Every structure is written in structure tokens, then in C-alpha cells.
Amino acid sequence: MGDVLFSLKNVTKRFPGVLALNNVSIDVQSGEIHGLVGENGAEKSTLIKTITGAYTPDEGEIYFDSKKLENITPHSSILAGIACIYQELNQVPQMTVYENIYLGREELSNNSLGITNITLMREESKKILSTLGLHIDPDTPVGSLGVGKQQMVEIAKAVRTNAKMIIMDEPTASLSAHETEELLEIIRRLKSRGVSVIFISHRIDEVKTITDRITVMRDGNMVATVDTADVTLDDIVKMMVGRDITQKYPKVKAKIGKEMLRVEGLTRKGVMENISFAVHEGEVLGFAGLVGSGRTETMRALTGVDPLDAGKVFVEGREVHIRMPRDSINAGIAFLTEDRKGQGLILIQDIEFNSTLVNLKNYVSGLFLRLKNCKEDAEYMVKEMRTRTPSINQLAGNLSGGNQQKVVIAKWLLTKSKIFIIDEPTRGIDVGAKVEVYNLINKLTSEGAAVIMISSEMDECMGMSDRIMVMYEGRIMAELSGGDITQEKIMYAASGLPSSSKLPSA
């Protein structure tokens, strides 16, 4: 690491009724990988937007590359050498890799006529990708790439702008284990070239692995900046939440009752084949498997989002015919999708609207909507879920990821469903909010609900499930319970291997 490249000095940012950043100071050195962690609502996003010029600080100073930055805008921050790669990638899927890398900064072969130099952009893109160790054809449409490769294209775009500091906001949230390793290696390459990286993630183990120093935030305050080598994972978590989390997965065994849901022979050609399982009152049935194993696709077909070629669904012993999502809702099945922003919420609407939307028919009286009841229920759920918000009138799009997830859960709780399918319940949520979600799952099962939980985090699946179904390439490879739930058995099945085989070497 080298000299200080970036400095935030005593920065304060206020919004009406909210002190978002309170006298925050942070510095990043040249060639440093600097972790930024904190619970949802710690105001990490506000800090990012202040650094990149989307927000103007009310107090404090910002320095970059030995210069004080005045009246920063998103454009001027890029020109200064600061790039930000957001969790929601800023790309045009229909355009090629090289077109996205040069988007808004195209090379021209004729300035007066505005003719782009396609050959130069292709060749330069190929060089940039090569220096990052990436084997991606510059002519490939970005939309045809996996999320991991799209993330790499964003990094290449930042390198193209000669960024001296790159901010990465939850870069591994949607990546597989292999893609995550590739990304971490790219970050190490950037460090070796003297580029600084601010690495923001809820995956504390990754932060511990990749960073040189870590800054911890809580409630808009900077708690501490520490050398990564000097702290343990438990130290970091305690600083984040301001308390000890003595049990990572607080699973509470509920009384297992009658069968609530049974599916027989669910089949969709090329996606899944002959899927059968059942889940009971008070039970958490985990679904494990590698990315692409068909877990989400199974639940989408079960709830009428995608069509089925064959199969039967029974709720409390009675066959139900689910052809569309409304049919599954009417049958008492709640489906909390993994994509909370794209499918779980209407971001331009407020908390009250999102919380009561699915259950809207129960608020109708004749030709009128009982707005008082909508408000009362939304306020009750905010209190019950401990959602951090000034009011129920806050837009869902302005909430942190964890608080958005709470609104999604609240929406389905108000439907009084007895079967909950929860896809990646804690993706993008900090450690403190995770425990709150786990306790909510315990509350559901204690009240007799049946829960199906899809999770890509093996320890989470093991820690919260009573039984686990393991999928591989659209088929159920194993059903595990009790002492049979081990990492080894899950990985054998998730890799499509019989238990007597040996896992392939890395």
C-alpha cells in the first residue's frame, strides 16, 4: 500500500427528519483493498452516494489524489478517477461487451461526423480484458453473459476510465462460489496495479479474506477502522451490531403436525423432472443445490409463475389446480422470490402500498377501500418487523436491502398464508437482520405454518432446516434429515454424485 489516496473528513449528511451520516471520517490508501461493513440501515449507501457526488454533504470535506473535491457530481467524480460498480449493474444487455465498456465515452474516427472507431474499441477492450485475466469475446452481447461475467465487464469499464479507486457494492451477492473466487482474483490484480478498492459486502468472511483494512459503520456513525489481520469475524460482527450474536442460526424446533403441502411428479421439459416432496405444519424444508440446479424453477412452476407439463399439487390433502400466481395465493401459498426488487416490491410505491397490495381484496368494502385499515396493518407490520423507516409513506426503493426484505415478508404475513416458500431469505442482508429473519421463520413454524426455504448458503440451510432436499440438474438427488444432514452428503448430492463416490478435486 502507498500514500493516502482518498479522504473523507468529518462528513455529515442530513435528510428531513434523519441524520444519515454523522461526522464520518475515512481514508483509503493507494493500492489498498478497504472493506466497508455495517448492518442494513448503517448508511453505507448514503456514504457511497456522497463519495460519488450523488449527494452533497452538509458538512465536512472530501479529498482525492491530493486535491480537495468541491461541488462533486457523478460526472466529476468519474473524471477525478473514482468509479462505482453498483449491485444493480449499469449495462445495456443488447449491446456488446466492447460497446458497454465504451458506453458514453466512445472513440471516434471522425470527430466532425461523429463516426465511432469500432476497430480501436474492440482491440482496446480485448487488451483491458486480457490484463484482468478475462477470456471474454468483446463482440459478445452482454445480456448473454452470466452475472459473474457481467460484473467483470463493469470492472473492465472502470479500468477503461483509468479509475484510481473503484467502489464495489455487494459485488458477490448474486455470484456462485466459483464466480466469487474469480472476482476476488480480479480484485487482487487491481491491487497489484496500484488501484484502490472499497469492498462493501455483507459476507464478512469474504471481507476478512480480501481486505487490508476494514471500516465498520453503525447507524450513520463510523465505529472503527481496523487492520483486517488484527480482528476476528466475531470482532467484526460485534462492532457492526453493537452486541454479541451468540447463536448464528437460532433454530427452534416446532411441533411437526399434519401435511400441509404435497407435490407429485412436477415436470417441465428441460427444466425439472418428476419432482415430488411434502412439507408439514411446523416444519422447515430446506432446498439445497448449486446455482442452476432447478430449485427456484421448481417453486416458480409450483406457484403458477411458470407453466408445468405434468404434476399434481395438494394443499392439506386436497388437490389444487394452480395455473397462475393468484391460484397459489388463493390456496394459501406465499412465494417470497429471491429478486425482491424486480419481483417482490414496487419500488416507486411506499411501504403501506407494498405491504397491503397482495391482500387488497380484504380491505375492500363495497366500492370503497378501507384506507384506515391499510394504514393500521402497515404500521403494525413495520413495528412487528422492526423495519427501519421514518414512516410507512417511505418509498420501498429508498429502503436498505434488509428493510426491503422485511416489507416483502410483511406483505405475505398479512395474507394469513399457512405455507411459505422463501427463496434466498437472507441474500444481501447483514448478520443482525439475518437473525431477525431466522427468528421470524421460527415464529411462523411455531404458529403452525409450513416453510420451504431455498438457500445457496449451505450452513444456513443446515442450521435452519428440519429436512433438506438436494437438487441437481432439475432432479431431487437426496432427502436428508437428522444426523444425515452433513456438508459432505449435501455436496455429493448437489454435484450429482452417489454417496459412495469421491468428490472431484478442486
Protein backbone atom coordinates (compact mmCIF):
# COMPACT_ATOMS: atom_id res chain seq x y z
CA MET A 1 0.00 0.00 0.00
CA GLY A 2 1.06 3.56 -0.57
CA ASP A 3 0.12 7.08 0.46
CA VAL A 4 -3.43 8.20 1.26
CA LEU A 5 -5.41 8.43 -1.99
CA PHE A 6 -8.85 9.29 -0.69
CA SER A 7 -10.01 11.07 2.48
CA LEU A 8 -13.42 11.82 3.90
CA LYS A 9 -13.11 14.27 6.79
CA ASN A 10 -15.91 14.86 9.31
CA VAL A 11 -18.69 14.46 6.75
CA THR A 12 -22.29 14.92 7.86
CA LYS A 13 -25.38 14.40 5.70
CA ARG A 14 -28.94 15.19 6.79
CA PHE A 15 -32.30 14.45 5.24
CA PRO A 16 -35.64 15.76 6.59
CA GLY A 17 -36.00 14.14 10.00
CA VAL A 18 -32.96 11.89 9.54
CA LEU A 19 -29.29 12.31 10.41
CA ALA A 20 -27.87 9.92 7.80
CA LEU A 21 -24.11 10.47 8.21
CA ASN A 22 -22.79 11.81 11.49
CA ASN A 23 -19.28 13.27 11.39
CA VAL A 24 -17.83 10.38 9.36
CA SER A 25 -14.11 10.23 8.56
CA ILE A 26 -12.40 7.57 6.47
CA ASP A 27 -9.23 7.30 4.39
CA VAL A 28 -8.16 4.85 1.69
CA GLN A 29 -4.55 4.32 0.69
CA SER A 30 -3.21 3.77 -2.82
CA GLY A 31 -3.36 0.10 -3.76
CA GLU A 32 -5.44 -0.77 -0.71
CA ILE A 33 -8.45 -3.08 -0.57
CA HIS A 34 -10.60 -1.38 2.06
CA GLY A 35 -13.65 -3.15 3.44
CA LEU A 36 -16.80 -1.26 4.39
CA VAL A 37 -19.28 -3.17 6.53
CA GLY A 38 -22.36 -2.47 8.59
CA GLU A 39 -25.91 -3.62 9.12
CA ASN A 40 -28.65 -2.61 6.71
CA GLY A 41 -29.52 0.95 7.70
CA ALA A 42 -25.92 1.72 8.69
CA GLU A 43 -26.00 4.27 5.81
CA LYS A 44 -23.31 2.64 3.67
CA SER A 45 -25.34 3.54 0.57
CA THR A 46 -25.53 7.17 1.66
CA LEU A 47 -21.76 7.17 2.11
CA ILE A 48 -21.24 5.77 -1.40
CA LYS A 49 -23.56 8.36 -2.94
CA THR A 50 -21.73 11.11 -1.09
CA ILE A 51 -18.35 9.90 -2.36
CA THR A 52 -19.61 9.65 -5.95
CA GLY A 53 -21.38 13.02 -5.98
CA ALA A 54 -24.99 11.83 -5.99
CA TYR A 55 -25.41 13.54 -2.59
CA THR A 56 -23.79 16.77 -1.41
CA PRO A 57 -22.56 16.67 2.21
CA ASP A 58 -23.93 19.27 4.59
CA GLU A 59 -20.63 19.43 6.46
CA GLY A 60 -17.11 18.09 6.02
CA GLU A 61 -14.51 17.80 3.29
CA ILE A 62 -13.55 15.23 0.65
CA TYR A 63 -10.03 14.84 -0.75
CA PHE A 64 -8.90 12.67 -3.63
CA ASP A 65 -5.43 12.33 -5.09
CA SER A 66 -4.13 15.27 -3.00
CA LYS A 67 -6.93 17.60 -4.18
CA LYS A 68 -9.98 18.85 -2.33
CA LEU A 69 -13.12 17.95 -4.26
CA GLU A 70 -15.65 20.76 -4.39
CA ASN A 71 -19.26 20.51 -5.62
CA ILE A 72 -18.83 16.88 -6.66
CA THR A 73 -21.18 15.45 -9.28
CA PRO A 74 -21.32 11.85 -10.56
CA HIS A 75 -19.61 13.03 -13.75
CA SER A 76 -16.84 14.97 -12.00
CA SER A 77 -16.13 12.05 -9.64
CA ILE A 78 -15.56 9.78 -12.66
CA LEU A 79 -13.28 12.36 -14.25
CA ALA A 80 -11.33 12.58 -10.97
CA GLY A 81 -10.70 8.81 -11.07
CA ILE A 82 -13.48 7.36 -8.88
CA ALA A 83 -15.62 4.55 -10.28
CA CYS A 84 -18.52 2.74 -8.63
CA ILE A 85 -19.90 -0.68 -9.52
CA TYR A 86 -23.36 -0.98 -8.05
CA GLN A 87 -25.18 -4.18 -7.12
CA GLU A 88 -27.67 -3.47 -9.91
CA LEU A 89 -25.33 -3.37 -12.91
CA ASN A 90 -25.45 -0.34 -15.18
CA GLN A 91 -25.39 -2.04 -18.56
CA VAL A 92 -27.28 -2.27 -21.85
CA PRO A 93 -27.89 -6.04 -22.33
CA GLN A 94 -28.48 -5.79 -26.09
CA MET A 95 -25.13 -4.11 -26.69
CA THR A 96 -21.82 -5.93 -26.99
CA VAL A 97 -19.10 -6.12 -24.38
CA TYR A 98 -16.91 -3.52 -26.10
CA GLU A 99 -19.89 -1.17 -26.62
CA ASN A 100 -20.69 -1.35 -22.89
CA ILE A 101 -17.05 -0.77 -21.93
CA TYR A 102 -17.01 2.41 -24.02
CA LEU A 103 -20.63 3.42 -23.35
CA GLY A 104 -20.83 7.22 -23.19
CA ARG A 105 -17.09 7.56 -23.95
CA GLU A 106 -16.87 6.16 -27.47
CA GLU A 107 -13.69 6.56 -29.52
CA LEU A 108 -14.28 8.47 -32.75
CA SER A 109 -12.51 8.01 -36.07
CA ASN A 110 -14.08 11.21 -37.38
CA ASN A 111 -14.90 13.82 -34.77
CA SER A 112 -16.81 16.15 -37.06
CA LEU A 113 -19.08 13.38 -38.38
CA GLY A 114 -19.27 11.50 -35.08
CA ILE A 115 -18.20 8.19 -36.61
CA THR A 116 -17.10 5.67 -33.97
CA ASN A 117 -13.82 3.78 -34.30
CA ILE A 118 -15.17 0.24 -33.83
CA THR A 119 -11.83 -1.46 -34.58
CA LEU A 120 -9.98 0.55 -31.93
CA MET A 121 -12.68 -0.02 -29.30
CA ARG A 122 -12.67 -3.76 -29.96
CA GLU A 123 -8.90 -4.04 -29.73
CA GLU A 124 -8.60 -1.88 -26.62
CA SER A 125 -11.41 -3.80 -24.95
CA LYS A 126 -9.61 -7.05 -25.71
CA LYS A 127 -6.42 -5.67 -24.12
CA ILE A 128 -8.24 -4.48 -20.99
CA LEU A 129 -9.99 -7.83 -20.57
CA SER A 130 -6.70 -9.64 -21.08
CA THR A 131 -4.89 -7.59 -18.41
CA LEU A 132 -7.63 -8.63 -16.00
CA GLY A 133 -7.19 -12.27 -16.97
CA LEU A 134 -10.61 -12.43 -18.60
CA HIS A 135 -11.35 -14.52 -21.67
CA ILE A 136 -14.44 -12.75 -23.00
CA ASP A 137 -15.12 -12.01 -26.67
CA PRO A 138 -15.63 -8.21 -26.99
CA ASP A 139 -18.35 -8.84 -29.62
CA THR A 140 -20.49 -10.90 -27.22
CA PRO A 141 -23.82 -9.28 -26.23
CA VAL A 142 -23.59 -8.52 -22.51
CA GLY A 143 -27.08 -9.89 -21.93
CA SER A 144 -25.93 -13.37 -22.98
CA LEU A 145 -23.27 -13.47 -20.26
CA GLY A 146 -23.79 -14.80 -16.75
CA VAL A 147 -23.99 -12.37 -13.84
CA GLY A 148 -20.37 -13.09 -12.88
CA LYS A 149 -19.03 -12.18 -16.32
CA GLN A 150 -21.27 -9.10 -16.48
CA GLN A 151 -19.67 -8.00 -13.22
CA MET A 152 -16.24 -8.40 -14.84
CA VAL A 153 -17.33 -6.22 -17.76
CA GLU A 154 -18.23 -3.47 -15.28
CA ILE A 155 -14.75 -3.72 -13.79
CA ALA A 156 -13.25 -3.51 -17.29
CA LYS A 157 -15.32 -0.37 -17.88
CA ALA A 158 -13.89 1.16 -14.69
CA VAL A 159 -10.34 0.26 -15.77
CA ARG A 160 -11.04 1.86 -19.16
CA THR A 161 -11.81 5.18 -17.39
CA ASN A 162 -8.38 4.95 -15.67
CA ALA A 163 -10.09 4.80 -12.29
CA LYS A 164 -7.67 5.06 -9.37
CA MET A 165 -10.33 3.94 -6.88
CA ILE A 166 -13.18 1.51 -7.56
CA ILE A 167 -16.11 1.13 -5.16
CA MET A 168 -17.76 -2.30 -5.31
CA ASP A 169 -21.21 -2.51 -3.73
CA GLU A 170 -22.13 -6.11 -2.80
CA PRO A 171 -20.21 -7.47 -5.81
CA THR A 172 -20.62 -11.15 -4.85
CA ALA A 173 -24.28 -11.09 -3.76
CA SER A 174 -25.55 -12.88 -6.89
CA LEU A 175 -22.43 -14.91 -7.74
CA SER A 176 -21.71 -18.61 -7.38
CA ALA A 177 -18.74 -19.77 -5.30
CA HIS A 178 -16.62 -20.19 -8.46
CA GLU A 179 -17.58 -16.77 -9.82
CA THR A 180 -16.83 -15.23 -6.44
CA GLU A 181 -13.31 -16.68 -6.47
CA GLU A 182 -12.78 -15.28 -9.98
CA LEU A 183 -13.92 -11.85 -8.84
CA LEU A 184 -11.68 -11.85 -5.77
CA GLU A 185 -8.73 -12.73 -8.00
CA ILE A 186 -9.56 -9.78 -10.28
CA ILE A 187 -9.60 -7.51 -7.22
CA ARG A 188 -6.15 -8.77 -6.25
CA ARG A 189 -4.94 -7.96 -9.78
CA LEU A 190 -6.30 -4.43 -9.45
CA LYS A 191 -4.45 -4.03 -6.14
CA SER A 192 -1.19 -5.21 -7.76
CA ARG A 193 -1.61 -2.41 -10.33
CA GLY A 194 -1.98 0.19 -7.58
CA VAL A 195 -5.75 0.58 -7.90
CA SER A 196 -7.61 1.08 -4.61
CA VAL A 197 -10.83 -0.82 -3.99
CA ILE A 198 -13.59 -0.12 -1.47
CA PHE A 199 -15.21 -3.52 -0.98
CA ILE A 200 -18.73 -3.44 0.51
CA SER A 201 -20.28 -6.76 1.44
CA HIS A 202 -22.50 -8.50 3.97
CA ARG A 203 -20.37 -11.62 3.53
CA ILE A 204 -17.99 -10.93 6.37
CA ASP A 205 -15.81 -13.97 5.62
CA GLU A 206 -15.07 -12.56 2.15
CA VAL A 207 -14.29 -9.13 3.60
CA LYS A 208 -11.88 -10.79 6.03
CA THR A 209 -10.27 -12.75 3.18
CA ILE A 210 -9.72 -9.99 0.64
CA THR A 211 -9.20 -6.70 2.53
CA ASP A 212 -6.24 -4.91 4.09
CA ARG A 213 -8.31 -2.75 6.43
CA ILE A 214 -11.98 -2.60 7.40
CA THR A 215 -14.19 0.32 8.35
CA VAL A 216 -17.28 -0.55 10.37
CA MET A 217 -20.38 1.69 10.30
CA ARG A 218 -23.44 1.65 12.53
CA ASP A 219 -26.46 3.99 12.36
CA GLY A 220 -24.63 6.54 10.22
CA ASN A 221 -21.60 6.63 12.51
CA MET A 222 -18.12 5.31 11.91
CA VAL A 223 -17.47 2.77 14.67
CA ALA A 224 -13.84 1.95 13.84
CA THR A 225 -11.25 1.36 11.14
CA VAL A 226 -9.10 -1.69 11.88
CA ASP A 227 -6.34 -3.72 10.27
CA THR A 228 -8.01 -6.87 8.95
CA ALA A 229 -5.27 -9.11 10.30
CA ASP A 230 -5.92 -7.85 13.84
CA VAL A 231 -9.61 -8.80 14.13
CA THR A 232 -11.70 -11.97 14.07
CA LEU A 233 -15.05 -12.47 12.35
CA ASP A 234 -16.72 -12.29 15.75
CA ASP A 235 -14.98 -8.96 16.46
CA ILE A 236 -16.32 -7.51 13.21
CA VAL A 237 -19.86 -8.74 13.83
CA LYS A 238 -19.88 -7.34 17.36
CA MET A 239 -18.77 -3.92 16.09
CA MET A 240 -21.45 -4.00 13.39
CA VAL A 241 -24.40 -4.84 15.59
CA GLY A 242 -23.19 -3.39 18.89
CA ARG A 243 -23.83 -6.68 20.64
CA ASP A 244 -22.76 -10.31 20.64
CA ILE A 245 -24.65 -12.71 18.41
CA THR A 246 -24.26 -15.87 20.44
CA GLN A 247 -26.13 -18.13 18.05
CA LYS A 248 -25.74 -17.76 14.32
CA TYR A 249 -28.71 -19.95 13.43
CA PRO A 250 -31.24 -19.77 16.30
CA LYS A 251 -33.32 -22.71 15.10
CA VAL A 252 -36.24 -23.56 17.37
CA LYS A 253 -37.77 -27.00 16.88
CA ALA A 254 -41.53 -26.73 16.46
CA LYS A 255 -44.08 -29.50 16.78
CA ILE A 256 -44.42 -31.23 13.42
CA GLY A 257 -48.09 -31.62 12.54
CA LYS A 258 -50.20 -32.61 9.58
CA GLU A 259 -49.14 -32.49 5.96
CA MET A 260 -49.70 -29.02 4.55
CA LEU A 261 -48.32 -29.32 1.01
CA ARG A 262 -47.53 -32.27 -1.22
CA VAL A 263 -46.39 -32.23 -4.83
CA GLU A 264 -46.21 -35.27 -7.06
CA GLY A 265 -44.27 -35.61 -10.30
CA LEU A 266 -43.76 -31.92 -11.14
CA THR A 267 -42.21 -31.86 -14.59
CA ARG A 268 -41.28 -29.14 -17.02
CA LYS A 269 -39.34 -30.33 -20.02
CA GLY A 270 -35.70 -29.28 -19.96
CA VAL A 271 -36.04 -27.64 -16.54
CA MET A 272 -37.10 -30.23 -13.94
CA GLU A 273 -38.20 -33.83 -13.91
CA ASN A 274 -40.53 -35.78 -11.63
CA ILE A 275 -40.21 -33.60 -8.52
CA SER A 276 -42.08 -34.97 -5.50
CA PHE A 277 -41.95 -33.88 -1.86
CA ALA A 278 -44.13 -32.91 1.11
CA VAL A 279 -43.88 -30.41 3.94
CA HIS A 280 -45.77 -30.38 7.25
CA GLU A 281 -47.03 -27.98 9.89
CA GLY A 282 -44.19 -26.59 11.97
CA GLU A 283 -41.52 -27.83 9.56
CA VAL A 284 -38.77 -26.04 7.66
CA LEU A 285 -37.98 -27.98 4.49
CA GLY A 286 -34.70 -26.76 3.04
CA PHE A 287 -33.82 -26.93 -0.66
CA ALA A 288 -30.10 -27.07 -1.37
CA GLY A 289 -28.17 -27.32 -4.62
CA LEU A 290 -25.73 -25.49 -6.83
CA VAL A 291 -26.69 -22.49 -8.96
CA GLY A 292 -28.78 -23.77 -11.87
CA SER A 293 -29.94 -26.93 -10.09
CA GLY A 294 -33.61 -26.04 -10.62
CA ARG A 295 -34.67 -25.10 -7.08
CA THR A 296 -36.14 -21.70 -7.94
CA GLU A 297 -37.62 -23.02 -11.18
CA THR A 298 -39.44 -25.74 -9.24
CA MET A 299 -41.04 -23.19 -6.92
CA ARG A 300 -41.95 -20.87 -9.79
CA ALA A 301 -43.77 -23.72 -11.53
CA LEU A 302 -45.41 -24.85 -8.30
CA THR A 303 -46.84 -21.38 -7.69
CA GLY A 304 -48.04 -20.79 -11.26
CA VAL A 305 -45.37 -18.34 -12.35
CA ASP A 306 -44.10 -20.79 -15.00
CA PRO A 307 -46.12 -23.49 -16.81
CA LEU A 308 -45.98 -27.21 -15.94
CA ASP A 309 -46.01 -30.14 -18.33
CA ALA A 310 -47.11 -32.60 -15.62
CA GLY A 311 -47.62 -32.96 -11.90
CA LYS A 312 -50.12 -32.57 -9.07
CA VAL A 313 -50.27 -30.22 -6.09
CA PHE A 314 -52.14 -30.97 -2.86
CA VAL A 315 -52.81 -28.47 -0.06
CA GLU A 316 -53.94 -30.04 3.22
CA GLY A 317 -54.77 -33.22 1.34
CA ARG A 318 -56.92 -31.54 -1.31
CA GLU A 319 -55.73 -31.31 -4.90
CA VAL A 320 -55.49 -27.74 -6.16
CA HIS A 321 -55.05 -26.60 -9.75
CA ILE A 322 -52.52 -23.78 -9.97
CA ARG A 323 -52.26 -22.16 -13.36
CA MET A 324 -51.30 -18.65 -12.29
CA PRO A 325 -49.85 -16.95 -9.17
CA ARG A 326 -53.31 -15.85 -7.98
CA ASP A 327 -54.33 -19.52 -7.76
CA SER A 328 -51.44 -20.28 -5.39
CA ILE A 329 -52.26 -17.22 -3.26
CA ASN A 330 -55.89 -18.35 -3.02
CA ALA A 331 -54.65 -21.81 -1.99
CA GLY A 332 -52.74 -20.26 0.93
CA ILE A 333 -49.24 -20.44 -0.56
CA ALA A 334 -46.93 -17.42 -0.19
CA PHE A 335 -43.91 -17.21 -2.51
CA LEU A 336 -41.17 -14.79 -1.43
CA THR A 337 -38.99 -14.55 -4.53
CA GLU A 338 -35.20 -14.12 -4.44
CA ASP A 339 -35.44 -10.95 -6.58
CA ARG A 340 -37.10 -8.64 -4.09
CA LYS A 341 -36.53 -5.53 -6.21
CA GLY A 342 -37.69 -6.94 -9.55
CA GLN A 343 -40.49 -9.24 -8.38
CA GLY A 344 -41.15 -8.70 -4.67
CA LEU A 345 -41.74 -4.95 -4.49
CA ILE A 346 -42.97 -1.97 -6.46
CA LEU A 347 -40.07 0.35 -5.70
CA ILE A 348 -41.82 3.59 -6.70
CA GLN A 349 -44.62 2.90 -4.19
CA ASP A 350 -44.49 3.31 -0.43
CA ILE A 351 -44.34 0.76 2.38
CA GLU A 352 -48.09 0.91 3.03
CA PHE A 353 -48.92 0.18 -0.61
CA ASN A 354 -46.43 -2.71 -0.88
CA SER A 355 -47.44 -4.25 2.45
CA THR A 356 -51.16 -4.41 1.64
CA LEU A 357 -51.06 -4.99 -2.13
CA VAL A 358 -51.44 -8.80 -2.23
CA ASN A 359 -54.17 -8.70 0.43
CA LEU A 360 -56.02 -5.78 -1.14
CA LYS A 361 -59.35 -7.60 -1.57
CA ASN A 362 -59.68 -7.87 2.22
CA TYR A 363 -59.59 -4.07 2.53
CA VAL A 364 -62.44 -3.53 0.07
CA SER A 365 -65.88 -2.65 1.41
CA GLY A 366 -68.39 -2.33 -1.41
CA LEU A 367 -66.94 0.25 -3.78
CA PHE A 368 -64.57 1.67 -1.21
CA LEU A 369 -61.12 0.85 0.09
CA ARG A 370 -60.76 0.92 3.88
CA LEU A 371 -57.64 3.08 3.94
CA LYS A 372 -57.62 3.29 7.73
CA ASN A 373 -57.25 -0.50 7.96
CA CYS A 374 -54.49 -0.49 5.33
CA LYS A 375 -52.59 2.10 7.34
CA GLU A 376 -53.09 0.28 10.65
CA ASP A 377 -51.88 -3.05 9.25
CA ALA A 378 -48.86 -1.49 7.52
CA GLU A 379 -47.87 0.36 10.72
CA TYR A 380 -48.32 -2.84 12.76
CA MET A 381 -46.04 -4.79 10.38
CA VAL A 382 -43.37 -2.06 10.46
CA LYS A 383 -43.34 -2.33 14.25
CA GLU A 384 -43.52 -6.15 14.24
CA MET A 385 -40.71 -6.48 11.68
CA ARG A 386 -38.63 -3.68 13.25
CA THR A 387 -38.36 -2.05 9.83
CA ARG A 388 -36.10 1.00 9.88
CA THR A 389 -38.06 3.79 8.23
CA PRO A 390 -39.27 7.32 9.11
CA SER A 391 -42.86 6.26 8.24
CA ILE A 392 -44.99 3.88 6.16
CA ASN A 393 -45.01 6.61 3.50
CA GLN A 394 -41.34 5.96 2.68
CA LEU A 395 -40.84 4.63 -0.87
CA ALA A 396 -39.69 1.00 -0.97
CA GLY A 397 -36.90 1.99 -3.36
CA ASN A 398 -35.39 4.24 -0.68
CA LEU A 399 -35.06 1.43 1.88
CA SER A 400 -31.92 -0.60 2.50
CA GLY A 401 -31.86 -4.19 1.20
CA GLY A 402 -32.65 -5.74 4.56
CA ASN A 403 -35.58 -3.42 5.19
CA GLN A 404 -36.92 -4.10 1.70
CA GLN A 405 -36.85 -7.81 2.53
CA LYS A 406 -38.83 -7.12 5.69
CA VAL A 407 -41.54 -5.35 3.67
CA VAL A 408 -41.75 -8.36 1.33
CA ILE A 409 -42.17 -10.69 4.29
CA ALA A 410 -44.75 -8.37 5.86
CA LYS A 411 -46.76 -8.38 2.63
CA TRP A 412 -47.15 -12.13 2.76
CA LEU A 413 -47.77 -12.30 6.51
CA LEU A 414 -50.83 -10.12 6.01
CA THR A 415 -52.31 -12.72 3.63
CA LYS A 416 -52.56 -15.19 6.54
CA SER A 417 -50.92 -17.87 4.39
CA LYS A 418 -50.02 -21.17 6.04
CA ILE A 419 -47.41 -22.30 3.50
CA PHE A 420 -44.39 -20.06 2.94
CA ILE A 421 -41.86 -20.59 0.14
CA ILE A 422 -38.88 -18.33 0.87
CA ASP A 423 -36.21 -18.13 -1.85
CA GLU A 424 -32.82 -16.91 -0.57
CA PRO A 425 -34.34 -15.29 2.54
CA THR A 426 -31.14 -13.54 3.68
CA ARG A 427 -29.41 -12.63 0.41
CA GLY A 428 -27.87 -9.17 0.74
CA ILE A 429 -28.88 -8.89 4.40
CA ASP A 430 -26.45 -8.13 7.21
CA VAL A 431 -25.77 -10.51 10.08
CA GLY A 432 -28.07 -8.77 12.56
CA ALA A 433 -31.03 -8.71 10.16
CA LYS A 434 -30.38 -12.37 9.29
CA VAL A 435 -31.03 -13.38 12.89
CA GLU A 436 -34.28 -11.39 12.79
CA VAL A 437 -35.36 -13.31 9.66
CA TYR A 438 -34.45 -16.64 11.28
CA ASN A 439 -36.49 -15.72 14.34
CA LEU A 440 -39.39 -14.85 12.07
CA ILE A 441 -39.16 -18.30 10.45
CA ASN A 442 -39.23 -19.78 13.96
CA LYS A 443 -42.34 -17.72 14.71
CA LEU A 444 -44.05 -18.98 11.55
CA THR A 445 -43.39 -22.63 12.33
CA SER A 446 -44.37 -22.21 16.00
CA GLU A 447 -47.75 -20.95 14.78
CA GLY A 448 -48.20 -24.00 12.57
CA ALA A 449 -47.03 -22.69 9.21
CA ALA A 450 -45.03 -24.88 6.84
CA VAL A 451 -41.88 -23.26 5.43
CA ILE A 452 -39.89 -24.18 2.33
CA MET A 453 -36.53 -22.41 2.34
CA ILE A 454 -34.23 -22.24 -0.67
CA SER A 455 -30.72 -21.22 0.26
CA SER A 456 -27.37 -21.21 -1.52
CA GLU A 457 -25.61 -20.88 1.85
CA MET A 458 -25.08 -24.46 2.95
CA ASP A 459 -24.59 -23.67 6.63
CA GLU A 460 -27.79 -21.59 6.65
CA CYS A 461 -29.73 -24.43 5.05
CA MET A 462 -28.30 -26.92 7.55
CA GLY A 463 -28.77 -24.61 10.51
CA MET A 464 -32.45 -23.78 9.94
CA SER A 465 -33.94 -26.87 8.24
CA ASP A 466 -35.64 -29.94 9.71
CA ARG A 467 -35.17 -31.80 6.42
CA ILE A 468 -33.25 -30.95 3.26
CA MET A 469 -34.00 -31.83 -0.37
CA VAL A 470 -30.90 -31.61 -2.57
CA MET A 471 -31.35 -30.88 -6.28
CA TYR A 472 -29.07 -31.42 -9.26
CA GLU A 473 -29.93 -30.55 -12.87
CA GLY A 474 -33.68 -30.42 -12.27
CA ARG A 475 -33.91 -33.60 -10.19
CA ILE A 476 -34.05 -34.36 -6.48
CA MET A 477 -30.88 -36.29 -5.70
CA ALA A 478 -31.30 -36.74 -1.94
CA GLU A 479 -33.61 -36.21 1.00
CA LEU A 480 -31.67 -35.72 4.24
CA SER A 481 -32.81 -35.44 7.86
CA GLY A 482 -31.39 -35.70 11.36
CA GLY A 483 -27.82 -36.98 11.51
CA ASP A 484 -27.73 -37.43 7.73
CA ILE A 485 -27.59 -33.65 7.23
CA THR A 486 -23.88 -33.12 6.68
CA GLN A 487 -21.91 -30.88 4.34
CA GLU A 488 -20.34 -33.89 2.68
CA LYS A 489 -23.67 -35.57 1.86
CA ILE A 490 -25.17 -32.32 0.60
CA MET A 491 -22.18 -31.70 -1.68
CA TYR A 492 -22.20 -35.26 -3.04
CA ALA A 493 -25.86 -34.91 -3.99
CA ALA A 494 -25.55 -31.31 -5.23
CA SER A 495 -22.72 -32.44 -7.53
CA GLY A 496 -24.82 -35.27 -8.94
CA LEU A 497 -22.62 -37.94 -7.32
CA PRO A 498 -23.72 -41.06 -5.46
CA SER A 499 -22.63 -41.01 -1.79
CA SER A 500 -20.06 -43.75 -2.43
CA SER A 501 -18.22 -41.62 -4.99
CA LYS A 502 -15.45 -39.18 -4.23
CA LEU A 503 -15.85 -35.52 -4.94
CA PRO A 504 -13.69 -34.27 -7.81
CA SER A 505 -10.55 -32.48 -6.71
CA ALA A 506 -10.53 -28.71 -6.92
